[in-house]
């Protein structure tokens, strides 16, 4: 797995950051290019977490998995293919928990 804040250090705008920016005007003004140290990234992670964005992002991701699995149910797939894709869908959110 990646270290905490790696995406922020890479300049990647994540779903938790997007959701946090909706609730915190100061976060909306943060320029990720200015986040250059692991300590800065960790502090930003703390601020993102304080907005409740992590739980909201997880809930949204879980809802997307449910939708994806419902769509899989409409596809003409072998049982083994369906099981494999179900496992992939489940693991996407579990991987980041």
N, C-alpha and C. Protein backbone atom coordinates (compact mmCIF):
# COMPACT_ATOMS: atom_id res chain seq x y z
N UNK A 1 0.81 -1.19 0.00
CA UNK A 1 0.00 0.00 0.00
C UNK A 1 0.85 1.26 0.00
N UNK A 2 0.20 2.33 -0.31
CA UNK A 2 0.88 3.62 -0.33
C UNK A 2 0.93 4.23 1.06
N UNK A 3 1.89 5.11 1.25
CA UNK A 3 1.96 5.86 2.49
C UNK A 3 0.86 6.92 2.50
N UNK A 4 0.45 7.28 3.69
CA UNK A 4 -0.60 8.29 3.87
C UNK A 4 -0.16 9.61 3.22
N UNK A 5 -1.02 10.17 2.38
CA UNK A 5 -0.73 11.45 1.76
C UNK A 5 0.04 11.37 0.45
N UNK A 6 0.38 10.17 0.00
CA UNK A 6 1.16 10.02 -1.23
C UNK A 6 0.44 10.66 -2.42
N UNK A 7 -0.87 10.42 -2.53
CA UNK A 7 -1.63 11.01 -3.63
C UNK A 7 -1.54 12.53 -3.61
N UNK A 8 -1.62 13.11 -2.42
CA UNK A 8 -1.54 14.57 -2.30
C UNK A 8 -0.17 15.07 -2.73
N UNK A 9 0.87 14.36 -2.32
CA UNK A 9 2.23 14.74 -2.72
C UNK A 9 2.42 14.64 -4.23
N UNK A 10 1.71 13.71 -4.84
CA UNK A 10 1.77 13.54 -6.30
C UNK A 10 0.90 14.56 -7.04
N UNK A 11 0.12 15.33 -6.28
CA UNK A 11 -0.77 16.31 -6.90
C UNK A 11 -2.09 15.73 -7.36
N UNK A 12 -2.40 14.52 -6.91
CA UNK A 12 -3.63 13.86 -7.30
C UNK A 12 -4.80 14.38 -6.48
N UNK A 13 -5.83 14.83 -7.16
CA UNK A 13 -7.04 15.28 -6.48
C UNK A 13 -7.93 14.06 -6.27
N UNK A 14 -8.10 13.68 -5.01
CA UNK A 14 -8.85 12.48 -4.66
C UNK A 14 -10.29 12.83 -4.31
N UNK A 15 -11.15 11.82 -4.30
CA UNK A 15 -12.55 12.04 -3.92
C UNK A 15 -12.65 12.62 -2.51
N UNK A 16 -11.92 12.10 -1.52
CA UNK A 16 -12.01 12.73 -0.19
C UNK A 16 -11.63 14.21 -0.22
N UNK A 17 -10.63 14.57 -0.99
CA UNK A 17 -10.25 15.99 -1.08
C UNK A 17 -11.37 16.81 -1.72
N UNK A 18 -11.95 16.29 -2.77
CA UNK A 18 -13.05 17.00 -3.43
C UNK A 18 -14.19 17.22 -2.44
N UNK A 19 -14.56 16.18 -1.71
CA UNK A 19 -15.66 16.29 -0.75
C UNK A 19 -15.31 17.22 0.40
N UNK A 20 -14.07 17.16 0.86
CA UNK A 20 -13.63 18.03 1.95
C UNK A 20 -13.65 19.49 1.52
N UNK A 21 -13.28 19.75 0.29
CA UNK A 21 -13.27 21.13 -0.21
C UNK A 21 -14.68 21.72 -0.25
N UNK A 22 -15.68 20.87 -0.39
CA UNK A 22 -17.06 21.35 -0.38
C UNK A 22 -17.47 21.87 0.99
N UNK A 23 -16.82 21.37 2.04
CA UNK A 23 -17.18 21.75 3.41
C UNK A 23 -16.21 22.72 4.06
N UNK A 24 -15.03 22.87 3.50
CA UNK A 24 -14.00 23.70 4.13
C UNK A 24 -13.40 24.64 3.08
N UNK A 25 -13.75 25.90 3.17
CA UNK A 25 -13.29 26.88 2.18
C UNK A 25 -11.77 26.99 2.14
N UNK A 26 -11.11 26.81 3.28
CA UNK A 26 -9.64 26.88 3.30
C UNK A 26 -9.04 25.72 2.51
N UNK A 27 -9.65 24.55 2.61
CA UNK A 27 -9.17 23.42 1.81
C UNK A 27 -9.40 23.66 0.32
N UNK A 28 -10.48 24.33 0.01
CA UNK A 28 -10.77 24.63 -1.40
C UNK A 28 -9.68 25.51 -2.01
N UNK A 29 -9.02 26.28 -1.17
CA UNK A 29 -7.98 27.19 -1.66
C UNK A 29 -6.59 26.57 -1.69
N UNK A 30 -6.44 25.36 -1.17
CA UNK A 30 -5.12 24.72 -1.11
C UNK A 30 -4.63 24.38 -2.52
N UNK A 31 -3.41 24.76 -2.80
CA UNK A 31 -2.75 24.42 -4.06
C UNK A 31 -1.87 23.20 -3.79
N UNK A 32 -2.22 22.06 -4.37
CA UNK A 32 -1.47 20.83 -4.10
C UNK A 32 -0.01 20.93 -4.51
N UNK A 33 0.32 21.83 -5.40
CA UNK A 33 1.72 22.00 -5.79
C UNK A 33 2.56 22.53 -4.63
N UNK A 34 1.89 23.12 -3.63
CA UNK A 34 2.59 23.65 -2.46
C UNK A 34 2.80 22.59 -1.39
N UNK A 35 2.18 21.42 -1.57
CA UNK A 35 2.33 20.31 -0.62
C UNK A 35 3.53 19.48 -1.09
N UNK A 36 4.68 19.68 -0.43
CA UNK A 36 5.91 19.07 -0.93
C UNK A 36 6.60 18.15 0.07
N UNK A 37 6.13 18.11 1.32
CA UNK A 37 6.77 17.25 2.31
C UNK A 37 5.73 16.27 2.87
N UNK A 38 6.19 15.12 3.34
CA UNK A 38 5.26 14.18 3.98
C UNK A 38 4.52 14.81 5.16
N UNK A 39 5.18 15.71 5.87
CA UNK A 39 4.54 16.36 7.01
C UNK A 39 3.38 17.25 6.56
N UNK A 40 3.59 17.98 5.47
CA UNK A 40 2.51 18.81 4.93
C UNK A 40 1.35 17.94 4.45
N UNK A 41 1.68 16.84 3.81
CA UNK A 41 0.64 15.93 3.32
C UNK A 41 -0.13 15.33 4.49
N UNK A 42 0.57 14.95 5.56
CA UNK A 42 -0.10 14.39 6.73
C UNK A 42 -1.03 15.41 7.37
N UNK A 43 -0.58 16.65 7.46
CA UNK A 43 -1.43 17.71 8.03
C UNK A 43 -2.67 17.92 7.17
N UNK A 44 -2.50 17.87 5.86
CA UNK A 44 -3.63 18.02 4.96
C UNK A 44 -4.59 16.83 5.10
N UNK A 45 -4.04 15.64 5.25
CA UNK A 45 -4.87 14.45 5.48
C UNK A 45 -5.70 14.61 6.74
N UNK A 46 -5.09 15.15 7.79
CA UNK A 46 -5.82 15.37 9.04
C UNK A 46 -6.98 16.34 8.82
N UNK A 47 -6.73 17.40 8.07
CA UNK A 47 -7.78 18.39 7.80
C UNK A 47 -8.89 17.79 6.95
N UNK A 48 -8.52 16.97 5.99
CA UNK A 48 -9.52 16.30 5.16
C UNK A 48 -10.37 15.39 6.03
N UNK A 49 -9.71 14.60 6.88
CA UNK A 49 -10.43 13.69 7.77
C UNK A 49 -11.38 14.40 8.71
N UNK A 50 -11.00 15.58 9.17
CA UNK A 50 -11.83 16.34 10.12
C UNK A 50 -13.15 16.79 9.51
N UNK A 51 -13.24 16.81 8.19
CA UNK A 51 -14.49 17.24 7.53
C UNK A 51 -15.50 16.11 7.39
N UNK A 52 -15.08 14.88 7.69
CA UNK A 52 -15.95 13.72 7.49
C UNK A 52 -15.90 13.20 6.06
N UNK A 53 -15.00 13.74 5.27
CA UNK A 53 -14.94 13.38 3.85
C UNK A 53 -14.54 11.92 3.62
N UNK A 54 -13.73 11.36 4.50
CA UNK A 54 -13.30 9.97 4.29
C UNK A 54 -14.49 9.02 4.37
N UNK A 55 -15.34 9.21 5.37
CA UNK A 55 -16.52 8.36 5.52
C UNK A 55 -17.48 8.58 4.35
N UNK A 56 -17.64 9.82 3.92
CA UNK A 56 -18.53 10.10 2.80
C UNK A 56 -17.99 9.50 1.50
N UNK A 57 -16.69 9.56 1.31
CA UNK A 57 -16.09 8.98 0.10
C UNK A 57 -16.26 7.46 0.11
N UNK A 58 -16.05 6.85 1.26
CA UNK A 58 -16.22 5.40 1.37
C UNK A 58 -17.67 5.00 1.09
N UNK A 59 -18.61 5.75 1.65
CA UNK A 59 -20.03 5.45 1.42
C UNK A 59 -20.37 5.57 -0.06
N UNK A 60 -19.83 6.60 -0.70
CA UNK A 60 -20.09 6.78 -2.13
C UNK A 60 -19.48 5.63 -2.93
N UNK A 61 -18.27 5.23 -2.58
CA UNK A 61 -17.61 4.12 -3.28
C UNK A 61 -18.39 2.82 -3.09
N UNK A 62 -18.87 2.58 -1.87
CA UNK A 62 -19.65 1.36 -1.63
C UNK A 62 -20.94 1.38 -2.44
N UNK A 63 -21.57 2.53 -2.57
CA UNK A 63 -22.79 2.64 -3.38
C UNK A 63 -22.48 2.35 -4.84
N UNK A 64 -21.33 2.80 -5.31
CA UNK A 64 -20.93 2.53 -6.70
C UNK A 64 -20.70 1.04 -6.91
N UNK A 65 -20.14 0.37 -5.91
CA UNK A 65 -19.92 -1.07 -6.01
C UNK A 65 -21.26 -1.80 -6.10
N UNK A 66 -22.22 -1.39 -5.28
CA UNK A 66 -23.55 -1.99 -5.33
C UNK A 66 -24.14 -1.81 -6.73
N UNK A 67 -24.05 -0.61 -7.27
CA UNK A 67 -24.57 -0.35 -8.62
C UNK A 67 -23.86 -1.22 -9.66
N UNK A 68 -22.56 -1.33 -9.55
CA UNK A 68 -21.79 -2.13 -10.51
C UNK A 68 -22.19 -3.60 -10.44
N UNK A 69 -22.37 -4.09 -9.22
CA UNK A 69 -22.75 -5.50 -9.07
C UNK A 69 -24.16 -5.75 -9.60
N UNK A 70 -25.04 -4.77 -9.45
CA UNK A 70 -26.38 -4.91 -10.03
C UNK A 70 -26.30 -5.00 -11.55
N UNK A 71 -25.45 -4.18 -12.15
CA UNK A 71 -25.27 -4.23 -13.60
C UNK A 71 -24.67 -5.56 -14.04
N UNK A 72 -23.75 -6.09 -13.23
CA UNK A 72 -23.17 -7.39 -13.56
C UNK A 72 -24.26 -8.46 -13.63
N UNK A 73 -25.25 -8.32 -12.77
CA UNK A 73 -26.35 -9.29 -12.75
C UNK A 73 -27.16 -9.30 -14.02
N UNK A 74 -27.09 -8.25 -14.80
CA UNK A 74 -27.85 -8.17 -16.05
C UNK A 74 -27.04 -8.68 -17.25
N UNK A 75 -25.77 -8.99 -17.01
CA UNK A 75 -24.90 -9.41 -18.11
C UNK A 75 -24.90 -10.92 -18.27
N UNK A 76 -24.72 -11.35 -19.51
CA UNK A 76 -24.66 -12.78 -19.82
C UNK A 76 -23.23 -13.27 -19.59
N UNK A 77 -22.97 -13.69 -18.34
CA UNK A 77 -21.63 -14.14 -17.96
C UNK A 77 -21.70 -15.54 -17.38
N UNK A 78 -20.62 -16.27 -17.54
CA UNK A 78 -20.50 -17.56 -16.86
C UNK A 78 -20.46 -17.29 -15.35
N UNK A 79 -20.91 -18.25 -14.57
CA UNK A 79 -20.93 -18.08 -13.11
C UNK A 79 -19.55 -17.74 -12.57
N UNK A 80 -18.52 -18.38 -13.12
CA UNK A 80 -17.16 -18.11 -12.64
C UNK A 80 -16.74 -16.67 -12.96
N UNK A 81 -17.14 -16.17 -14.11
CA UNK A 81 -16.83 -14.78 -14.46
C UNK A 81 -17.56 -13.81 -13.54
N UNK A 82 -18.81 -14.10 -13.27
CA UNK A 82 -19.61 -13.25 -12.39
C UNK A 82 -18.99 -13.20 -11.00
N UNK A 83 -18.60 -14.36 -10.46
CA UNK A 83 -17.97 -14.40 -9.13
C UNK A 83 -16.67 -13.62 -9.12
N UNK A 84 -15.88 -13.79 -10.17
CA UNK A 84 -14.59 -13.08 -10.24
C UNK A 84 -14.80 -11.57 -10.26
N UNK A 85 -15.74 -11.11 -11.06
CA UNK A 85 -15.99 -9.66 -11.14
C UNK A 85 -16.61 -9.12 -9.85
N UNK A 86 -17.44 -9.94 -9.18
CA UNK A 86 -17.96 -9.55 -7.87
C UNK A 86 -16.82 -9.34 -6.88
N UNK A 87 -15.86 -10.26 -6.89
CA UNK A 87 -14.72 -10.15 -5.98
C UNK A 87 -13.89 -8.91 -6.29
N UNK A 88 -13.70 -8.62 -7.56
CA UNK A 88 -12.95 -7.42 -7.94
C UNK A 88 -13.69 -6.18 -7.43
N UNK A 89 -14.99 -6.13 -7.65
CA UNK A 89 -15.78 -4.97 -7.20
C UNK A 89 -15.66 -4.79 -5.69
N UNK A 90 -15.79 -5.89 -4.95
CA UNK A 90 -15.68 -5.81 -3.48
C UNK A 90 -14.30 -5.36 -3.04
N UNK A 91 -13.28 -5.83 -3.73
CA UNK A 91 -11.91 -5.54 -3.30
C UNK A 91 -11.50 -4.10 -3.56
N UNK A 92 -12.15 -3.44 -4.50
CA UNK A 92 -11.80 -2.05 -4.82
C UNK A 92 -11.95 -1.16 -3.59
N UNK A 93 -13.04 -1.28 -2.87
CA UNK A 93 -13.27 -0.45 -1.68
C UNK A 93 -12.49 -1.01 -0.50
N UNK A 94 -12.46 -2.33 -0.35
CA UNK A 94 -11.73 -2.92 0.78
C UNK A 94 -10.26 -2.57 0.75
N UNK A 95 -9.72 -2.44 -0.43
CA UNK A 95 -8.29 -2.13 -0.59
C UNK A 95 -7.93 -0.79 0.06
N UNK A 96 -8.85 0.13 0.04
CA UNK A 96 -8.58 1.48 0.55
C UNK A 96 -9.17 1.73 1.93
N UNK A 97 -9.73 0.70 2.53
CA UNK A 97 -10.35 0.89 3.86
C UNK A 97 -9.31 1.10 4.94
